Amino acid sequence: MATENDDEYGEVNDGLAERLDGLDDELIEARATALRASLGEYELDDEDAELLAGIQVGEDGIEYLPALPVVAIVGRPNVGKSQLVNRILGRREAVVEDTPGVTRDRVTYKAEWGERRFSLVDTGGWEPDARGIDKSVAMQSEVAIDLADVILFVVDSKVGTTATDEHVVRLLRGTNKPVFLVANKVDDASHEADAAVLWNLGLGEPHAVSAIHGRGVADLLDAVMAKTPQVSAIAKNEIGGPRRVAIVGRPNVGKSSLLNKAAGEERVVVNDLAGTTRDPVDEVVELGGKLWTLVDTAGIRRRVHMAQGADFYASLRTSTALEKAEVAVVVLDVTQPISEQDVRIIDLVLESGRALVLAFNKWDLLDTPEMIDADRRRYLEREIEKDLAHVAWAPRVNISAATGRRLDKLVPALETALESWDRRIPTGKFNAFLTELVAEHPHPLRGGKQPRILFGTQASTRPPTFVLFTTGFLDPGYRRFVQRRLRELFSFEGTPIVINMRVRERRKRP
């Protein structure tokens, strides 16, 4: 897999840092102004104009993006949840089969209705085991109630209510959150009587829809948006106060032990059984002379008959905690090989755009004379080099959560990652970097054409997000090269970097 570490477009000892240091500030600003003015020769849209206007007024400082409200769709298998997701999104995203239990992984989409944006969660993790289905559905709904702002409870109007539906209804009646009863498969007016029967569930008016045909879905969404908050009350980004740290990782790697040791007391139940933590626990603790809010996200109790479902719930809780956090500490157990699940959790952090620190736990088992395991140490370094190459920029701390050994190393790593996450590069300096980089390492010709970078700016922080105006698409390898050199020259240690392109054509002369 290609990563930021590719050296495809030149060695790092290109003298770029020295040349940038030697540039006069006035020259840097003059160059940027000229490049900005040259964009007038290209077709720009309203979004471009808004971005460029922001540059002109010299915006800087930290930007806080509100967390999108979360709408969760729940219901027993085969009632049409994924079809409803596809209808709301306006495209075929969720897998749909006429088989119970098709949706198995955490599936969260960004959706939009009437200029309102929200996160849509298609719940999964079903076990097609009749004996366990009631518990699976109840557990699913319980998680949805905890982690959503609004809940859509989908029922098959042709089948009517089942014992499983009644089980879920009892849970939903006890919540203060908006619950919409969705009677699906009402394909025409002749089936509306089937929906009317559902009034007796006590969840209010049944919203008759046909997810497959789209009938009634627009009216349903209008009603849902009227009850959906502008900003999520569950995963809100809090401004000010102690920095928020999500402790994430697969089950039984020592997340709760880390929180307890940091807090100096047993605040979270610790058990050798994987998945004993059920609810996220936020704790304000003092580390390194500063207050931090730690979020333990160990997931939920794992049940043997629904191991697939447990993975789903743990991922959903991890995602929700990341939305509330600013930086994530991914805990890895050094006594075990780095697993696909470890990598998947790291990728969740990258998708969330949060700062990242890697905590290699149980290091004392590799680093003490009586327990040293030379083979495991050697294999671990190989695994890091192979499986974690795409996050080689993340600060790494080797700790023992159980004993507290080297826990003091965690705070400097967190501070470094957060400083990078908040870092803003002035527009002039960023364009000087681009100009010098392209002069030394021009984009290769493709089909006789060479795309050019016209202008660049940092659109936002948290994470640092850059926009490049170009005359054509840049090769993925070249974008990674720009990203890598940007990271190296401006010390973006511990934060993902996002680089977006806007390909623009010259204005047609009248």
Protein backbone atom coordinates (compact mmCIF):
# COMPACT_ATOMS: atom_id res chain seq x y z
CA MET A 1 0.00 0.00 0.00
CA ALA A 2 1.28 3.44 -0.92
CA THR A 3 1.89 5.78 1.97
CA GLU A 4 3.17 9.24 2.75
CA ASN A 5 6.61 7.68 3.05
CA ASP A 6 6.97 7.05 -0.69
CA ASP A 7 10.20 8.47 -2.10
CA GLU A 8 8.86 8.26 -5.65
CA TYR A 9 9.38 11.96 -6.34
CA GLY A 10 12.80 12.66 -4.93
CA GLU A 11 14.96 12.41 -1.85
CA VAL A 12 14.28 14.54 1.20
CA ASN A 13 17.75 16.13 1.19
CA ASP A 14 16.76 18.62 -1.52
CA GLY A 15 17.73 21.74 0.44
CA LEU A 16 14.14 22.94 0.47
CA ALA A 17 14.14 23.94 4.14
CA GLU A 18 17.27 26.06 3.68
CA ARG A 19 15.86 27.82 0.61
CA LEU A 20 12.60 28.62 2.40
CA ASP A 21 14.52 30.03 5.38
CA GLY A 22 16.45 32.27 3.03
CA LEU A 23 13.38 33.90 1.49
CA ASP A 24 12.46 37.43 2.49
CA ASP A 25 9.02 37.82 4.11
CA GLU A 26 8.07 40.64 1.76
CA LEU A 27 9.03 38.52 -1.25
CA ILE A 28 6.95 35.62 0.11
CA GLU A 29 3.86 37.82 0.46
CA ALA A 30 4.38 39.46 -2.95
CA ARG A 31 4.63 36.05 -4.61
CA ALA A 32 1.46 34.82 -2.88
CA THR A 33 -0.45 37.96 -3.88
CA ALA A 34 0.61 37.50 -7.52
CA LEU A 35 -0.41 33.84 -7.51
CA ARG A 36 -3.73 34.72 -5.91
CA ALA A 37 -4.36 37.38 -8.57
CA SER A 38 -3.56 34.91 -11.37
CA LEU A 39 -6.55 32.81 -10.31
CA GLY A 40 -8.73 35.50 -11.87
CA GLU A 41 -7.92 33.94 -15.24
CA TYR A 42 -9.63 30.68 -14.21
CA GLU A 43 -13.23 29.57 -13.76
CA LEU A 44 -14.00 29.75 -10.03
CA ASP A 45 -17.23 28.82 -8.28
CA ASP A 46 -18.95 30.36 -5.25
CA GLU A 47 -17.19 27.98 -2.88
CA ASP A 48 -13.81 29.04 -4.28
CA ALA A 49 -14.72 32.70 -3.85
CA GLU A 50 -15.78 32.10 -0.24
CA LEU A 51 -12.52 30.32 0.54
CA LEU A 52 -10.39 33.01 -1.10
CA ALA A 53 -12.33 35.82 0.59
CA GLY A 54 -11.49 34.20 3.91
CA ILE A 55 -7.81 34.36 3.02
CA GLN A 56 -8.00 38.06 2.19
CA VAL A 57 -9.29 39.01 5.61
CA GLY A 58 -6.41 37.05 7.15
CA GLU A 59 -8.41 34.48 9.08
CA ASP A 60 -6.37 32.52 11.53
CA GLY A 61 -6.81 30.72 14.79
CA ILE A 62 -8.55 27.49 15.64
CA GLU A 63 -11.76 26.46 13.94
CA TYR A 64 -14.35 24.34 15.70
CA LEU A 65 -16.67 22.34 13.48
CA PRO A 66 -19.92 21.34 15.17
CA ALA A 67 -20.59 17.62 15.44
CA LEU A 68 -23.34 16.50 13.07
CA PRO A 69 -26.54 15.19 14.69
CA VAL A 70 -26.87 11.41 14.61
CA VAL A 71 -29.95 9.67 13.21
CA ALA A 72 -29.96 5.90 13.82
CA ILE A 73 -32.14 3.38 12.01
CA VAL A 74 -33.05 0.31 14.07
CA GLY A 75 -35.37 -2.63 13.67
CA ARG A 76 -35.33 -6.39 13.38
CA PRO A 77 -33.75 -8.07 10.35
CA ASN A 78 -35.29 -7.84 6.89
CA VAL A 79 -37.67 -4.94 7.48
CA GLY A 80 -35.91 -2.74 4.92
CA LYS A 81 -33.50 -0.68 7.03
CA SER A 82 -30.73 -0.65 4.43
CA GLN A 83 -33.21 0.13 1.63
CA LEU A 84 -34.36 3.12 3.66
CA VAL A 85 -30.74 4.22 4.10
CA ASN A 86 -30.21 4.05 0.33
CA ARG A 87 -33.39 6.03 -0.28
CA ILE A 88 -32.37 8.77 2.19
CA LEU A 89 -28.86 8.98 0.72
CA GLY A 90 -30.20 8.99 -2.84
CA ARG A 91 -27.70 6.33 -3.89
CA ARG A 92 -27.07 2.65 -3.39
CA GLU A 93 -24.61 2.48 -0.51
CA ALA A 94 -25.94 -0.05 1.99
CA VAL A 95 -25.90 -3.72 0.97
CA VAL A 96 -29.45 -4.98 0.43
CA GLU A 97 -30.38 -8.67 0.26
CA ASP A 98 -33.56 -10.54 1.03
CA THR A 99 -31.73 -12.30 3.83
CA PRO A 100 -31.77 -11.40 7.54
CA GLY A 101 -28.47 -10.26 8.93
CA VAL A 102 -26.77 -8.82 5.86
CA THR A 103 -25.62 -5.64 7.61
CA ARG A 104 -22.80 -6.65 9.94
CA ASP A 105 -20.28 -3.83 10.24
CA ARG A 106 -20.50 -0.30 11.59
CA VAL A 107 -22.01 1.72 8.77
CA THR A 108 -22.18 5.50 9.17
CA TYR A 109 -22.98 7.83 6.29
CA LYS A 110 -23.04 11.59 5.87
CA ALA A 111 -26.54 12.52 4.68
CA GLU A 112 -28.32 15.72 3.73
CA TRP A 113 -31.95 16.80 3.58
CA GLY A 114 -33.31 20.30 3.02
CA GLU A 115 -29.87 21.90 3.50
CA ARG A 116 -29.50 20.02 6.81
CA ARG A 117 -26.53 17.68 7.19
CA PHE A 118 -26.53 14.74 9.61
CA SER A 119 -24.87 11.38 10.29
CA LEU A 120 -27.03 8.40 9.35
CA VAL A 121 -26.24 5.12 11.12
CA ASP A 122 -27.42 1.91 9.48
CA THR A 123 -27.37 -0.51 12.37
CA GLY A 124 -25.96 -3.98 11.86
CA GLY A 125 -24.40 -6.85 13.72
CA TRP A 126 -27.44 -9.09 13.48
CA GLU A 127 -27.02 -12.78 14.14
CA PRO A 128 -29.30 -14.97 11.99
CA ASP A 129 -29.69 -17.29 14.96
CA ALA A 130 -33.33 -17.47 16.03
CA ARG A 131 -32.40 -18.20 19.63
CA GLY A 132 -30.34 -15.04 19.97
CA ILE A 133 -32.30 -12.63 17.82
CA ASP A 134 -34.36 -11.01 20.61
CA LYS A 135 -31.24 -10.22 22.59
CA SER A 136 -29.46 -8.99 19.47
CA VAL A 137 -32.25 -6.61 18.53
CA ALA A 138 -32.62 -5.33 22.09
CA MET A 139 -28.89 -4.74 22.39
CA GLN A 140 -28.86 -2.98 19.04
CA SER A 141 -31.66 -0.64 20.05
CA GLU A 142 -30.06 0.03 23.41
CA VAL A 143 -26.88 1.21 21.69
CA ALA A 144 -28.91 3.34 19.25
CA ILE A 145 -30.71 5.04 22.13
CA ASP A 146 -27.38 5.78 23.84
CA LEU A 147 -25.53 7.06 20.81
CA ALA A 148 -28.12 8.79 18.61
CA ASP A 149 -29.99 12.09 18.75
CA VAL A 150 -32.99 10.74 16.83
CA ILE A 151 -34.11 7.12 16.31
CA LEU A 152 -36.05 5.66 13.36
CA PHE A 153 -37.68 2.37 14.36
CA VAL A 154 -38.54 0.44 11.19
CA VAL A 155 -41.33 -2.16 11.14
CA ASP A 156 -42.52 -4.32 8.23
CA SER A 157 -46.14 -3.21 7.81
CA LYS A 158 -47.02 -6.37 5.84
CA VAL A 159 -45.88 -8.64 8.66
CA GLY A 160 -47.06 -6.44 11.54
CA THR A 161 -45.49 -6.43 14.98
CA THR A 162 -43.62 -9.43 16.32
CA ALA A 163 -42.45 -10.37 19.80
CA THR A 164 -39.03 -8.95 18.84
CA ASP A 165 -40.61 -5.62 17.88
CA GLU A 166 -42.48 -5.49 21.20
CA HIS A 167 -39.18 -6.04 23.01
CA VAL A 168 -37.64 -3.04 21.29
CA VAL A 169 -40.75 -0.89 21.82
CA ARG A 170 -40.43 -1.30 25.59
CA LEU A 171 -36.92 0.16 25.39
CA LEU A 172 -37.94 3.00 23.12
CA ARG A 173 -40.87 4.08 25.31
CA GLY A 174 -38.42 4.82 28.11
CA THR A 175 -36.26 7.28 26.20
CA ASN A 176 -36.63 11.04 26.08
CA LYS A 177 -35.21 11.16 22.56
CA PRO A 178 -37.38 11.59 19.47
CA VAL A 179 -38.49 8.20 18.14
CA PHE A 180 -40.16 7.86 14.74
CA LEU A 181 -42.13 4.71 14.03
CA VAL A 182 -41.59 3.89 10.35
CA ALA A 183 -44.08 1.49 8.74
CA ASN A 184 -42.16 0.24 5.72
CA LYS A 185 -43.40 -1.60 2.61
CA VAL A 186 -46.57 0.52 2.26
CA ASP A 187 -46.21 0.50 -1.51
CA ASP A 188 -49.59 2.05 -2.30
CA ALA A 189 -52.73 3.46 -0.67
CA SER A 190 -54.31 0.02 -0.37
CA HIS A 191 -51.69 -0.97 2.23
CA GLU A 192 -52.10 2.09 4.48
CA ALA A 193 -54.49 0.22 6.74
CA ASP A 194 -51.59 -2.09 7.64
CA ALA A 195 -49.66 0.92 8.90
CA ALA A 196 -52.59 2.31 10.89
CA VAL A 197 -52.66 -0.85 13.02
CA LEU A 198 -49.24 0.13 14.41
CA TRP A 199 -50.75 2.99 16.43
CA ASN A 200 -51.26 0.41 19.19
CA LEU A 201 -47.50 0.24 19.80
CA GLY A 202 -47.72 3.50 21.72
CA LEU A 203 -44.92 5.23 19.80
CA GLY A 204 -47.15 7.82 18.15
CA GLU A 205 -48.14 8.13 14.53
CA PRO A 206 -46.77 5.45 12.20
CA HIS A 207 -45.07 7.05 9.19
CA ALA A 208 -46.13 4.97 6.20
CA VAL A 209 -43.31 4.68 3.65
CA SER A 210 -42.07 2.49 0.85
CA ALA A 211 -38.28 2.56 1.03
CA ILE A 212 -37.96 0.67 -2.24
CA HIS A 213 -40.24 3.07 -4.18
CA GLY A 214 -39.60 6.26 -2.17
CA ARG A 215 -43.25 6.76 -1.21
CA GLY A 216 -43.63 8.87 1.94
CA VAL A 217 -39.89 9.16 2.61
CA ALA A 218 -39.75 12.93 1.94
CA ASP A 219 -42.56 13.60 4.43
CA LEU A 220 -40.80 11.37 6.97
CA LEU A 221 -37.53 13.28 6.59
CA ASP A 222 -39.29 16.63 6.94
CA ALA A 223 -40.73 15.43 10.26
CA VAL A 224 -37.37 14.00 11.38
CA MET A 225 -35.47 17.20 10.62
CA ALA A 226 -38.02 19.22 12.62
CA LYS A 227 -37.02 17.17 15.70
CA THR A 228 -33.28 16.87 14.95
CA PRO A 229 -30.93 19.29 16.75
CA GLN A 230 -28.58 21.48 14.71
CA VAL A 231 -25.59 20.12 16.66
CA SER A 232 -25.40 16.65 18.16
CA ALA A 233 -26.07 16.56 21.89
CA ILE A 234 -24.31 13.19 22.04
CA ALA A 235 -21.09 13.81 20.11
CA LYS A 236 -20.70 17.53 20.55
CA ASN A 237 -17.28 19.14 20.16
CA GLU A 238 -16.71 20.99 23.39
CA ILE A 239 -14.79 24.25 23.22
CA GLY A 240 -12.50 25.16 26.09
CA GLY A 241 -11.78 23.19 29.22
CA PRO A 242 -9.47 20.18 29.48
CA ARG A 243 -8.40 18.70 26.15
CA ARG A 244 -10.41 15.59 25.33
CA VAL A 245 -8.52 12.33 24.85
CA ALA A 246 -10.23 9.18 23.53
CA ILE A 247 -8.57 5.98 24.68
CA VAL A 248 -9.29 3.44 21.96
CA GLY A 249 -8.14 -0.03 20.98
CA ARG A 250 -9.38 -3.55 20.59
CA PRO A 251 -10.71 -5.45 23.62
CA ASN A 252 -8.37 -6.38 26.46
CA VAL A 253 -5.32 -4.33 25.45
CA GLY A 254 -5.35 -2.34 28.70
CA LYS A 255 -7.47 0.73 27.98
CA SER A 256 -9.29 0.72 31.32
CA SER A 257 -6.04 -0.01 33.18
CA LEU A 258 -4.51 3.04 31.51
CA LEU A 259 -7.39 5.27 32.59
CA ASN A 260 -7.28 3.95 36.15
CA LYS A 261 -3.52 4.46 36.43
CA ALA A 262 -3.81 7.97 35.02
CA ALA A 263 -6.61 8.77 37.46
CA GLY A 264 -4.72 7.28 40.40
CA GLU A 265 -7.68 5.15 41.45
CA GLU A 266 -9.97 2.42 40.14
CA ARG A 267 -12.67 4.32 38.25
CA VAL A 268 -13.36 1.73 35.55
CA VAL A 269 -14.00 -1.97 36.05
CA VAL A 270 -11.02 -3.96 34.82
CA ASN A 271 -11.44 -7.62 33.96
CA ASP A 272 -9.38 -10.11 31.97
CA LEU A 273 -12.47 -10.92 29.95
CA ALA A 274 -12.50 -8.98 26.69
CA GLY A 275 -15.14 -6.28 26.44
CA THR A 276 -16.14 -5.70 30.07
CA THR A 277 -16.56 -1.95 29.58
CA ARG A 278 -20.03 -1.20 28.29
CA ASP A 279 -20.51 2.56 28.48
CA PRO A 280 -17.97 5.27 27.65
CA VAL A 281 -16.70 6.79 30.89
CA ASP A 282 -15.43 10.39 30.82
CA GLU A 283 -12.97 11.26 33.57
CA VAL A 284 -11.07 14.49 34.27
CA VAL A 285 -7.59 13.57 35.48
CA GLU A 286 -4.35 15.43 36.13
CA LEU A 287 -1.34 14.39 34.10
CA GLY A 288 1.88 16.33 33.73
CA GLY A 289 0.48 19.22 35.77
CA LYS A 290 -2.50 19.65 33.41
CA LEU A 291 -6.12 18.56 33.47
CA TRP A 292 -7.27 16.19 30.71
CA THR A 293 -10.64 14.65 29.97
CA LEU A 294 -10.09 10.96 29.25
CA VAL A 295 -12.77 8.92 27.51
CA ASP A 296 -12.54 5.16 27.98
CA THR A 297 -14.13 3.44 25.00
CA ALA A 298 -13.53 -0.22 25.59
CA GLY A 299 -16.76 -1.18 23.87
CA ILE A 300 -19.36 -3.52 25.36
CA ARG A 301 -19.78 -6.90 26.99
CA ARG A 302 -19.08 -9.53 24.38
CA ARG A 303 -21.56 -12.39 24.12
CA VAL A 304 -20.52 -15.70 22.64
CA HIS A 305 -23.58 -16.08 20.43
CA MET A 306 -23.05 -12.71 18.74
CA ALA A 307 -19.35 -12.03 18.37
CA GLN A 308 -19.95 -10.22 15.07
CA GLY A 309 -22.40 -7.88 16.77
CA ALA A 310 -19.94 -7.05 19.53
CA ASP A 311 -17.43 -5.83 16.95
CA PHE A 312 -20.13 -3.61 15.49
CA TYR A 313 -21.06 -2.05 18.84
CA ALA A 314 -17.43 -1.51 19.84
CA SER A 315 -16.78 0.28 16.53
CA LEU A 316 -19.88 2.41 16.92
CA ARG A 317 -18.88 3.47 20.43
CA THR A 318 -15.32 4.16 19.29
CA SER A 319 -16.62 6.38 16.46
CA THR A 320 -18.87 8.31 18.85
CA ALA A 321 -16.04 8.83 21.34
CA LEU A 322 -13.77 10.06 18.54
CA GLU A 323 -16.39 12.65 17.54
CA LYS A 324 -16.27 13.99 21.10
CA ALA A 325 -12.47 13.89 21.34
CA GLU A 326 -9.61 15.98 20.02
CA VAL A 327 -6.84 13.39 20.19
CA ALA A 328 -6.95 9.60 20.27
CA VAL A 329 -4.56 7.31 22.11
CA VAL A 330 -4.65 3.96 20.32
CA VAL A 331 -3.55 1.29 22.79
CA LEU A 332 -1.75 -1.73 21.32
CA ASP A 333 -0.74 -4.88 23.22
CA VAL A 334 2.93 -5.54 22.44
CA THR A 335 2.65 -9.18 23.54
CA GLN A 336 0.24 -9.87 20.67
CA PRO A 337 0.80 -9.47 16.91
CA ILE A 338 -0.61 -6.25 15.43
CA SER A 339 -3.98 -7.37 14.12
CA GLU A 340 -6.31 -6.30 11.35
CA GLN A 341 -8.61 -4.95 14.07
CA ASP A 342 -5.80 -2.74 15.43
CA VAL A 343 -5.25 -1.28 11.96
CA ARG A 344 -8.99 -0.80 11.48
CA ILE A 345 -9.22 1.19 14.72
CA ILE A 346 -6.29 3.38 13.64
CA ASP A 347 -8.07 3.95 10.34
CA LEU A 348 -11.20 5.02 12.27
CA VAL A 349 -9.06 7.69 13.96
CA LEU A 350 -7.74 8.86 10.59
CA GLU A 351 -11.27 9.00 9.15
CA SER A 352 -12.39 11.08 12.13
CA GLY A 353 -9.56 13.58 11.54
CA ARG A 354 -8.40 13.45 15.16
CA ALA A 355 -4.81 13.78 16.35
CA LEU A 356 -3.14 10.44 17.05
CA VAL A 357 -0.77 8.93 19.61
CA LEU A 358 0.21 5.24 19.60
CA ALA A 359 0.60 3.68 23.06
CA PHE A 360 2.39 0.34 23.05
CA ASN A 361 1.16 -1.23 26.28
CA LYS A 362 2.58 -4.07 28.43
CA TRP A 363 6.08 -3.00 27.40
CA ASP A 364 7.43 -4.20 30.75
CA LEU A 365 6.81 -7.77 29.54
CA LEU A 366 9.34 -7.19 26.75
CA ASP A 367 11.77 -4.96 28.60
CA THR A 368 12.59 -6.59 31.92
CA PRO A 369 15.52 -9.06 32.25
CA GLU A 370 13.38 -11.90 33.60
CA MET A 371 10.67 -11.47 30.98
CA ILE A 372 12.53 -10.17 27.95
CA ASP A 373 11.42 -11.76 24.71
CA ALA A 374 13.95 -10.92 22.01
CA ASP A 375 12.00 -12.69 19.27
CA ARG A 376 8.80 -10.79 20.05
CA ARG A 377 10.70 -7.47 20.10
CA ARG A 378 12.12 -8.22 16.66
CA TYR A 379 8.77 -9.30 15.23
CA LEU A 380 7.06 -6.24 16.71
CA GLU A 381 9.42 -3.85 14.93
CA ARG A 382 8.76 -5.65 11.66
CA GLU A 383 5.00 -5.45 12.22
CA ILE A 384 5.21 -1.72 12.97
CA GLU A 385 7.26 -1.14 9.83
CA LYS A 386 4.84 -3.18 7.69
CA ASP A 387 1.37 -2.53 9.17
CA LEU A 388 1.75 0.97 10.64
CA ALA A 389 3.85 2.61 7.93
CA HIS A 390 0.90 4.88 7.02
CA VAL A 391 1.00 6.40 10.53
CA ALA A 392 4.77 6.57 10.97
CA TRP A 393 4.22 10.26 11.81
CA ALA A 394 2.29 9.46 15.01
CA PRO A 395 4.17 9.87 18.34
CA ARG A 396 4.90 6.49 19.88
CA VAL A 397 5.09 5.81 23.62
CA ASN A 398 6.05 2.49 25.22
CA ILE A 399 4.14 2.13 28.49
CA SER A 400 2.86 -0.25 31.12
CA ALA A 401 -0.67 0.74 32.09
CA ALA A 402 -0.71 -1.78 34.92
CA THR A 403 2.40 -0.42 36.67
CA GLY A 404 2.33 3.17 35.42
CA ARG A 405 5.82 2.80 33.94
CA ARG A 406 6.71 5.54 31.43
CA LEU A 407 3.23 7.02 31.72
CA ASP A 408 4.92 10.43 32.03
CA LYS A 409 5.92 10.09 28.35
CA LEU A 410 2.26 10.21 27.33
CA VAL A 411 1.69 13.92 28.09
CA PRO A 412 4.47 15.32 25.84
CA ALA A 413 3.20 13.08 23.04
CA LEU A 414 -0.36 14.37 23.51
CA GLU A 415 0.81 17.97 23.58
CA THR A 416 2.88 17.52 20.42
CA ALA A 417 -0.02 15.92 18.56
CA LEU A 418 -2.50 18.61 19.63
CA GLU A 419 -0.13 21.46 18.73
CA SER A 420 0.24 19.96 15.26
CA TRP A 421 -3.52 19.44 14.99
CA ASP A 422 -4.06 23.16 15.71
CA ARG A 423 -1.18 24.40 13.51
CA ARG A 424 -1.87 26.91 10.73
CA ILE A 425 0.63 27.77 7.98
CA PRO A 426 0.38 31.35 6.62
CA THR A 427 -0.79 31.46 3.02
CA GLY A 428 2.38 33.20 1.83
CA LYS A 429 4.66 30.64 3.43
CA PHE A 430 2.57 27.73 2.11
CA ASN A 431 2.76 29.05 -1.46
CA ALA A 432 6.50 29.64 -1.11
CA PHE A 433 6.79 25.99 -0.06
CA LEU A 434 4.74 24.87 -3.09
CA THR A 435 6.73 27.03 -5.52
CA GLU A 436 10.11 25.80 -4.30
CA LEU A 437 8.94 22.17 -4.09
CA VAL A 438 7.54 22.14 -7.64
CA ALA A 439 10.69 23.84 -8.99
CA GLU A 440 12.81 21.06 -7.49
CA HIS A 441 10.38 18.19 -8.12
CA PRO A 442 8.00 19.03 -10.99
CA HIS A 443 4.97 16.84 -11.59
CA PRO A 444 5.74 14.29 -14.33
CA LEU A 445 4.18 14.63 -17.76
CA ARG A 446 1.03 12.59 -18.26
CA GLY A 447 -0.20 12.17 -21.83
CA GLY A 448 1.87 15.12 -22.94
CA LYS A 449 0.38 17.40 -20.28
CA GLN A 450 1.79 18.57 -16.98
CA PRO A 451 -0.71 19.67 -14.33
CA ARG A 452 0.35 22.82 -12.49
CA ILE A 453 -0.37 24.02 -8.96
CA LEU A 454 -1.74 27.54 -9.34
CA PHE A 455 -2.25 28.47 -5.71
CA GLY A 456 -2.67 26.86 -2.31
CA THR A 457 -4.08 27.73 1.07
CA GLN A 458 -4.82 26.13 4.40
CA ALA A 459 -8.60 25.99 4.55
CA SER A 460 -8.88 24.89 8.18
CA THR A 461 -7.23 23.32 11.20
CA ARG A 462 -8.27 20.33 13.31
CA PRO A 463 -7.00 18.54 11.24
CA PRO A 464 -4.83 20.80 9.03
CA THR A 465 -6.64 20.86 5.69
CA PHE A 466 -5.07 22.35 2.58
CA VAL A 467 -6.62 23.22 -0.77
CA LEU A 468 -4.61 23.23 -4.00
CA PHE A 469 -5.96 25.00 -7.08
CA THR A 470 -4.54 23.08 -10.05
CA THR A 471 -4.82 22.88 -13.84
CA GLY A 472 -5.28 19.11 -13.74
CA PHE A 473 -5.41 16.11 -11.42
CA LEU A 474 -2.22 15.44 -9.49
CA ASP A 475 -1.03 11.84 -9.31
CA PRO A 476 -1.86 10.21 -5.94
CA GLY A 477 1.86 9.53 -5.48
CA TYR A 478 2.70 13.19 -6.07
CA ARG A 479 0.02 14.32 -3.60
CA ARG A 480 1.49 11.98 -1.00
CA PHE A 481 4.93 13.43 -1.72
CA VAL A 482 3.64 17.00 -1.19
CA GLN A 483 1.94 15.82 2.00
CA ARG A 484 5.10 14.15 3.30
CA ARG A 485 7.35 17.15 2.64
CA LEU A 486 4.76 19.46 4.19
CA ARG A 487 4.75 17.28 7.30
CA GLU A 488 8.55 17.20 7.50
CA LEU A 489 9.14 20.92 6.96
CA PHE A 490 6.36 22.24 9.19
CA SER A 491 6.48 19.59 11.96
CA PHE A 492 3.00 18.12 11.62
CA GLU A 493 3.80 15.30 14.02
CA GLY A 494 0.80 13.43 15.38
CA THR A 495 -1.90 14.80 13.10
CA PRO A 496 -3.42 13.64 9.83
CA ILE A 497 -3.06 16.12 6.97
CA VAL A 498 -5.80 16.54 4.37
CA ILE A 499 -4.95 17.84 0.90
CA ASN A 500 -7.87 18.60 -1.42
CA MET A 501 -7.60 19.57 -5.07
CA ARG A 502 -9.74 21.97 -7.06
CA VAL A 503 -9.06 21.49 -10.75
CA ARG A 504 -9.92 24.70 -12.61
CA GLU A 505 -9.92 25.61 -16.30
CA ARG A 506 -9.01 28.95 -17.88
CA ARG A 507 -11.86 31.33 -18.54
CA LYS A 508 -13.01 31.34 -22.14
CA ARG A 509 -12.16 34.64 -23.76
CA PRO A 510 -15.22 36.54 -25.11
